[in-house]
Amino acid sequence: MAGSEPMPQVPARSDTTPREYGRRGVFGILTPQSNAIAEQELRILLPPACSMVSARLTSAGRTLERRLADYGERLDQFLDQFGNIAADAVGVACTGSFYGLDRGEERTRRQARQARRGCPVVTSVDAIDAALRALGIGSIAIVSPYPAWLTESCRSHWVGLGTRVTGVLQLSSGATEPHRIYSLTSASVLEETLRFDVQGAEAILLSGTGMPSLRVIQQLEPTRGIPVLSSSLCLAWALARTVDLGERGPESRLYGGWAGRLALALA
């Protein structure tokens, strides 16, 4: 089971002004500049009585590696885009920027960010870690849309936290750079994942917020009989937990109740 510390608790927001929208929760969402999937999935996943405000992680870097580094190094600047919005939590819908960081240093930075914003600041990696611990998962099979070097960074990250990785499926989108994570479809992901040998794994992790995951979770979890987690699913669950929402349901052993909203989005 992943062995990092629990996400620190942050006092409830002090601004109690009645809200026209988002009465149960308002969440800031940061996504990479070219990611058109994360916001769509989070809108579906978050409870309907909650609202979200989005901003972008941006970089002029010419390589994916440089852009991911920029997102992590300049995170405080990106958080400033939310100004005085009294969010209940901020979700950073990016995984690749936060693999392999020194856990002690990252914990210190996270606590400083949260104190500065006055609310939890949760990355997708934080959320996945919390979900693995909540479900008691000690071994995972990873489905990766990343280039090979980032797939290895992902695998090493979870191994370093004490999670056994039973296998890695490198999707055809990500063998080289530029990778094509944003051109993936649920059908293509499902086709490859159904052939993936996950024997010995206690959960399947669909990594990367730019890969469509919700229909894959719906179809794959009943077939494989183990939890199927994605970066977006875990992030939505972690955000919902900050306002005492987010229950498991027929769609997912981690976090359900979103099938109707998904159906409407696909209609």
Foldseek 3Di string as FASTA:
>chain_A
DFADDAFDFFDFFPDPPQDPAARLFEEEEEEAPPFPQLVVLLCLFADRRGYYDYDYQDDPDPFPVVSLCSCVVCVLVRVCVCPLPRGQEYEYEWDLSPFPDDRVVVSVVQVVSCVVNRHHYYYLVSLVSVLCVVVVWQEEEEEDQAAPVSQVSVQVRRVVRRHHYPYYHHQPQHPDPPGPQQPADLVSSLVSVVPDDTPPGQEYEYEHSRHDPQVSLQPPCVVVVHFYYYSSNSRSQVSLVSSPDFADDNSGNGGDDRPVVVVVVVD
